[in-house]
């Protein structure tokens, strides 16, 4: 009979998944910060253009709508980054699980 410590297995899986996700977090966080900074600059520029009379209310509203689309697409990119991170964590967990079971099987032979 295989001797697998399931408590240790779950702890190991938890650590592998957590480590994988944590390694991706700084990149995702940095990208989100970049989005916010770029949006801040764009909104400041639009506000200044409107306040100075260089663009009309309608132009301002149109530009704001355009900015909404830009931010939406950037946030969708963060979603894709998160999905990729989850896939890497899943792959790491499955590798850990496979390696653990394989080690237990080899111990039987």
N, C-alpha and C. Protein backbone atom coordinates (compact mmCIF):
# COMPACT_ATOMS: atom_id res chain seq x y z
N UNK A 1 0.84 -1.19 0.00
CA UNK A 1 0.00 0.00 0.00
C UNK A 1 0.88 1.25 0.00
N UNK A 2 0.47 2.25 -0.78
CA UNK A 2 1.24 3.49 -0.85
C UNK A 2 1.13 4.24 0.46
N UNK A 3 2.26 4.82 0.85
CA UNK A 3 2.29 5.59 2.09
C UNK A 3 2.41 7.07 1.73
N UNK A 4 1.28 7.75 1.66
CA UNK A 4 1.27 9.18 1.34
C UNK A 4 0.70 9.92 2.53
N UNK A 5 1.45 10.89 3.00
CA UNK A 5 0.99 11.76 4.09
C UNK A 5 0.13 12.86 3.44
N UNK A 6 -1.18 12.69 3.52
CA UNK A 6 -2.08 13.61 2.82
C UNK A 6 -2.07 15.01 3.43
N UNK A 7 -1.81 15.12 4.72
CA UNK A 7 -1.68 16.46 5.31
C UNK A 7 -0.47 17.17 4.72
N UNK A 8 0.64 16.47 4.60
CA UNK A 8 1.84 17.05 3.99
C UNK A 8 1.60 17.35 2.52
N UNK A 9 0.86 16.47 1.85
CA UNK A 9 0.54 16.68 0.44
C UNK A 9 -0.26 17.97 0.26
N UNK A 10 -1.28 18.17 1.07
CA UNK A 10 -2.11 19.38 0.98
C UNK A 10 -1.29 20.61 1.33
N UNK A 11 -0.45 20.52 2.36
CA UNK A 11 0.43 21.65 2.69
C UNK A 11 1.35 21.98 1.53
N UNK A 12 1.92 20.94 0.92
CA UNK A 12 2.80 21.16 -0.22
C UNK A 12 2.08 21.78 -1.40
N UNK A 13 0.89 21.27 -1.70
CA UNK A 13 0.09 21.85 -2.79
C UNK A 13 -0.22 23.32 -2.52
N UNK A 14 -0.60 23.60 -1.28
CA UNK A 14 -0.91 24.98 -0.90
C UNK A 14 0.29 25.88 -1.11
N UNK A 15 1.46 25.42 -0.69
CA UNK A 15 2.68 26.22 -0.83
C UNK A 15 3.06 26.43 -2.29
N UNK A 16 2.90 25.38 -3.11
CA UNK A 16 3.22 25.49 -4.53
C UNK A 16 2.30 26.50 -5.21
N UNK A 17 1.01 26.38 -4.95
CA UNK A 17 0.04 27.29 -5.56
C UNK A 17 0.28 28.71 -5.09
N UNK A 18 0.43 28.89 -3.79
CA UNK A 18 0.64 30.23 -3.25
C UNK A 18 1.93 30.85 -3.80
N UNK A 19 2.99 30.07 -3.85
CA UNK A 19 4.26 30.58 -4.38
C UNK A 19 4.15 31.00 -5.83
N UNK A 20 3.45 30.19 -6.61
CA UNK A 20 3.28 30.50 -8.03
C UNK A 20 2.49 31.79 -8.22
N UNK A 21 1.38 31.91 -7.51
CA UNK A 21 0.55 33.12 -7.64
C UNK A 21 1.29 34.35 -7.13
N UNK A 22 2.00 34.21 -6.02
CA UNK A 22 2.73 35.35 -5.46
C UNK A 22 3.84 35.83 -6.39
N UNK A 23 4.42 34.92 -7.15
CA UNK A 23 5.49 35.34 -8.06
C UNK A 23 4.95 36.19 -9.21
N UNK A 24 3.69 36.00 -9.57
CA UNK A 24 3.09 36.79 -10.65
C UNK A 24 2.50 38.11 -10.16
N UNK A 25 2.19 38.18 -8.89
CA UNK A 25 1.50 39.36 -8.36
C UNK A 25 2.23 40.68 -8.58
N UNK A 26 3.54 40.77 -8.36
CA UNK A 26 4.21 42.07 -8.57
C UNK A 26 4.05 42.60 -10.00
N UNK A 27 4.12 41.70 -10.98
CA UNK A 27 3.98 42.11 -12.38
C UNK A 27 2.56 42.64 -12.65
N UNK A 28 1.58 41.94 -12.14
CA UNK A 28 0.19 42.36 -12.32
C UNK A 28 -0.06 43.69 -11.61
N UNK A 29 0.45 43.80 -10.39
CA UNK A 29 0.29 45.03 -9.61
C UNK A 29 0.95 46.22 -10.33
N UNK A 30 2.14 46.00 -10.88
CA UNK A 30 2.86 47.07 -11.59
C UNK A 30 2.10 47.51 -12.84
N UNK A 31 1.52 46.55 -13.55
CA UNK A 31 0.74 46.88 -14.75
C UNK A 31 -0.50 47.68 -14.36
N UNK A 32 -1.16 47.30 -13.29
CA UNK A 32 -2.35 48.04 -12.83
C UNK A 32 -1.96 49.46 -12.43
N UNK A 33 -0.84 49.60 -11.76
CA UNK A 33 -0.37 50.94 -11.36
C UNK A 33 -0.09 51.80 -12.60
N UNK A 34 0.50 51.19 -13.61
CA UNK A 34 0.79 51.90 -14.87
C UNK A 34 -0.51 52.38 -15.52
N UNK A 35 -1.54 51.52 -15.50
CA UNK A 35 -2.83 51.89 -16.08
C UNK A 35 -3.39 53.13 -15.37
N UNK A 36 -3.34 53.12 -14.05
CA UNK A 36 -3.89 54.23 -13.26
C UNK A 36 -3.11 55.52 -13.54
N UNK A 37 -1.79 55.42 -13.59
CA UNK A 37 -0.97 56.61 -13.85
C UNK A 37 -1.23 57.18 -15.24
N UNK A 38 -1.32 56.31 -16.23
CA UNK A 38 -1.59 56.77 -17.60
C UNK A 38 -2.98 57.40 -17.70
N UNK A 39 -3.94 56.80 -17.01
CA UNK A 39 -5.30 57.34 -17.04
C UNK A 39 -5.35 58.70 -16.34
N UNK A 40 -4.63 58.83 -15.26
CA UNK A 40 -4.56 60.11 -14.54
C UNK A 40 -4.03 61.20 -15.46
N UNK A 41 -2.95 60.89 -16.17
CA UNK A 41 -2.36 61.86 -17.10
C UNK A 41 -3.33 62.23 -18.21
N UNK A 42 -4.01 61.23 -18.76
CA UNK A 42 -4.95 61.48 -19.85
C UNK A 42 -6.12 62.34 -19.38
N UNK A 43 -6.63 62.04 -18.19
CA UNK A 43 -7.76 62.82 -17.66
C UNK A 43 -7.34 64.24 -17.31
N UNK A 44 -6.13 64.41 -16.79
CA UNK A 44 -5.64 65.76 -16.50
C UNK A 44 -5.52 66.56 -17.79
N UNK A 45 -5.00 65.95 -18.82
CA UNK A 45 -4.86 66.63 -20.10
C UNK A 45 -6.23 67.02 -20.65
N UNK A 46 -7.17 66.08 -20.63
CA UNK A 46 -8.52 66.38 -21.13
C UNK A 46 -9.17 67.50 -20.32
N UNK A 47 -9.02 67.44 -19.02
CA UNK A 47 -9.61 68.48 -18.16
C UNK A 47 -8.99 69.84 -18.49
N UNK A 48 -7.69 69.88 -18.65
CA UNK A 48 -7.03 71.15 -18.98
C UNK A 48 -7.45 71.67 -20.34
N UNK A 49 -7.59 70.76 -21.29
CA UNK A 49 -8.04 71.19 -22.63
C UNK A 49 -9.45 71.76 -22.57
N UNK A 50 -10.31 71.14 -21.80
CA UNK A 50 -11.68 71.63 -21.68
C UNK A 50 -11.73 72.95 -20.93
N UNK A 51 -11.00 73.03 -19.84
CA UNK A 51 -11.01 74.27 -19.05
C UNK A 51 -10.43 75.45 -19.81
N UNK A 52 -9.47 75.17 -20.69
CA UNK A 52 -8.86 76.25 -21.47
C UNK A 52 -9.69 76.59 -22.70
N UNK A 53 -10.74 75.80 -22.97
CA UNK A 53 -11.60 76.07 -24.12
C UNK A 53 -11.06 75.52 -25.42
N UNK A 54 -10.00 74.71 -25.35
CA UNK A 54 -9.43 74.16 -26.57
C UNK A 54 -10.29 73.05 -27.16
N UNK A 55 -11.14 72.43 -26.32
CA UNK A 55 -12.09 71.46 -26.83
C UNK A 55 -13.47 71.80 -26.25
N UNK A 56 -14.50 71.38 -26.97
CA UNK A 56 -15.88 71.66 -26.55
C UNK A 56 -16.35 70.58 -25.57
N UNK A 57 -17.52 70.82 -24.98
CA UNK A 57 -18.11 69.80 -24.10
C UNK A 57 -18.31 68.50 -24.84
N UNK A 58 -18.80 68.57 -26.07
CA UNK A 58 -19.03 67.35 -26.85
C UNK A 58 -17.72 66.62 -27.14
N UNK A 59 -16.69 67.35 -27.48
CA UNK A 59 -15.38 66.73 -27.72
C UNK A 59 -14.85 66.09 -26.44
N UNK A 60 -15.04 66.79 -25.33
CA UNK A 60 -14.60 66.28 -24.03
C UNK A 60 -15.32 64.96 -23.71
N UNK A 61 -16.65 64.97 -23.88
CA UNK A 61 -17.44 63.76 -23.61
C UNK A 61 -17.01 62.61 -24.52
N UNK A 62 -16.74 62.91 -25.77
CA UNK A 62 -16.29 61.90 -26.72
C UNK A 62 -14.94 61.32 -26.30
N UNK A 63 -14.05 62.18 -25.88
CA UNK A 63 -12.73 61.72 -25.44
C UNK A 63 -12.83 60.86 -24.17
N UNK A 64 -13.72 61.26 -23.27
CA UNK A 64 -13.94 60.47 -22.04
C UNK A 64 -14.46 59.08 -22.40
N UNK A 65 -15.38 59.01 -23.34
CA UNK A 65 -15.89 57.71 -23.78
C UNK A 65 -14.75 56.86 -24.36
N UNK A 66 -13.88 57.50 -25.13
CA UNK A 66 -12.72 56.79 -25.67
C UNK A 66 -11.82 56.26 -24.57
N UNK A 67 -11.63 57.06 -23.54
CA UNK A 67 -10.80 56.64 -22.40
C UNK A 67 -11.41 55.45 -21.68
N UNK A 68 -12.74 55.42 -21.60
CA UNK A 68 -13.41 54.28 -20.97
C UNK A 68 -13.05 52.99 -21.71
N UNK A 69 -13.05 53.05 -23.03
CA UNK A 69 -12.70 51.88 -23.83
C UNK A 69 -11.26 51.45 -23.62
N UNK A 70 -10.37 52.42 -23.52
CA UNK A 70 -8.96 52.12 -23.29
C UNK A 70 -8.77 51.42 -21.95
N UNK A 71 -9.38 51.98 -20.91
CA UNK A 71 -9.25 51.40 -19.57
C UNK A 71 -9.88 50.00 -19.53
N UNK A 72 -11.02 49.85 -20.17
CA UNK A 72 -11.67 48.53 -20.20
C UNK A 72 -10.74 47.50 -20.82
N UNK A 73 -10.12 47.82 -21.94
CA UNK A 73 -9.22 46.89 -22.61
C UNK A 73 -8.00 46.58 -21.74
N UNK A 74 -7.49 47.58 -21.06
CA UNK A 74 -6.34 47.36 -20.19
C UNK A 74 -6.72 46.46 -19.01
N UNK A 75 -7.90 46.65 -18.47
CA UNK A 75 -8.36 45.80 -17.37
C UNK A 75 -8.62 44.37 -17.85
N UNK A 76 -9.09 44.23 -19.07
CA UNK A 76 -9.24 42.90 -19.64
C UNK A 76 -7.88 42.21 -19.78
N UNK A 77 -6.86 42.99 -20.08
CA UNK A 77 -5.50 42.43 -20.15
C UNK A 77 -5.07 41.92 -18.78
N UNK A 78 -5.43 42.64 -17.71
CA UNK A 78 -5.13 42.16 -16.36
C UNK A 78 -5.86 40.85 -16.10
N UNK A 79 -7.08 40.75 -16.57
CA UNK A 79 -7.82 39.49 -16.44
C UNK A 79 -7.11 38.34 -17.13
N UNK A 80 -6.57 38.61 -18.32
CA UNK A 80 -5.83 37.58 -19.05
C UNK A 80 -4.55 37.21 -18.31
N UNK A 81 -3.90 38.21 -17.73
CA UNK A 81 -2.69 37.94 -16.95
C UNK A 81 -3.03 37.07 -15.74
N UNK A 82 -4.16 37.34 -15.12
CA UNK A 82 -4.59 36.56 -13.96
C UNK A 82 -4.92 35.12 -14.36
N UNK A 83 -5.54 34.96 -15.51
CA UNK A 83 -5.85 33.63 -16.01
C UNK A 83 -4.57 32.84 -16.28
N UNK A 84 -3.60 33.50 -16.88
CA UNK A 84 -2.32 32.85 -17.15
C UNK A 84 -1.62 32.47 -15.84
N UNK A 85 -1.72 33.34 -14.86
CA UNK A 85 -1.12 33.06 -13.55
C UNK A 85 -1.79 31.84 -12.91
N UNK A 86 -3.10 31.79 -12.99
CA UNK A 86 -3.84 30.64 -12.45
C UNK A 86 -3.45 29.35 -13.17
N UNK A 87 -3.23 29.43 -14.47
CA UNK A 87 -2.83 28.24 -15.23
C UNK A 87 -1.44 27.78 -14.80
N UNK A 88 -0.52 28.72 -14.59
CA UNK A 88 0.82 28.35 -14.13
C UNK A 88 0.74 27.70 -12.74
N UNK A 89 -0.10 28.25 -11.87
CA UNK A 89 -0.27 27.68 -10.53
C UNK A 89 -0.85 26.26 -10.62
N UNK A 90 -1.81 26.07 -11.50
CA UNK A 90 -2.40 24.74 -11.69
C UNK A 90 -1.35 23.76 -12.19
N UNK A 91 -0.56 24.18 -13.16
CA UNK A 91 0.49 23.31 -13.70
C UNK A 91 1.50 22.93 -12.62
N UNK A 92 1.88 23.90 -11.81
CA UNK A 92 2.84 23.64 -10.73
C UNK A 92 2.24 22.67 -9.70
N UNK A 93 0.97 22.86 -9.38
CA UNK A 93 0.31 21.98 -8.41
C UNK A 93 0.21 20.56 -8.95
N UNK A 94 -0.14 20.42 -10.22
CA UNK A 94 -0.26 19.09 -10.82
C UNK A 94 1.10 18.40 -10.90
N UNK A 95 2.14 19.17 -11.19
CA UNK A 95 3.49 18.60 -11.21
C UNK A 95 3.87 18.12 -9.82
N UNK A 96 3.62 18.94 -8.81
CA UNK A 96 3.91 18.56 -7.43
C UNK A 96 3.16 17.29 -7.05
N UNK A 97 1.89 17.24 -7.37
CA UNK A 97 1.07 16.08 -7.05
C UNK A 97 1.60 14.83 -7.76
N UNK A 98 1.89 14.97 -9.04
CA UNK A 98 2.42 13.85 -9.81
C UNK A 98 3.75 13.37 -9.26
N UNK A 99 4.65 14.31 -8.94
CA UNK A 99 5.95 13.94 -8.38
C UNK A 99 5.79 13.23 -7.04
N UNK A 100 4.86 13.69 -6.22
CA UNK A 100 4.64 13.08 -4.90
C UNK A 100 4.12 11.65 -5.05
N UNK A 101 3.16 11.45 -5.91
CA UNK A 101 2.60 10.12 -6.12
C UNK A 101 3.65 9.20 -6.74
N UNK A 102 4.41 9.72 -7.72
CA UNK A 102 5.45 8.92 -8.35
C UNK A 102 6.50 8.48 -7.34
N UNK A 103 6.88 9.36 -6.44
CA UNK A 103 7.84 9.01 -5.40
C UNK A 103 7.27 7.90 -4.51
N UNK A 104 5.99 8.01 -4.16
CA UNK A 104 5.37 6.97 -3.33
C UNK A 104 5.31 5.64 -4.06
N UNK A 105 5.01 5.65 -5.35
CA UNK A 105 4.94 4.42 -6.14
C UNK A 105 6.33 3.80 -6.23
N UNK A 106 7.35 4.60 -6.48
CA UNK A 106 8.71 4.09 -6.58
C UNK A 106 9.16 3.46 -5.27
N UNK A 107 8.67 4.00 -4.16
CA UNK A 107 9.05 3.44 -2.85
C UNK A 107 8.47 2.04 -2.66
N UNK A 108 7.39 1.74 -3.37
CA UNK A 108 6.79 0.42 -3.29
C UNK A 108 7.56 -0.63 -4.10
N UNK A 109 8.25 -0.15 -5.09
CA UNK A 109 8.94 -1.10 -6.00
C UNK A 109 10.24 -1.60 -5.45
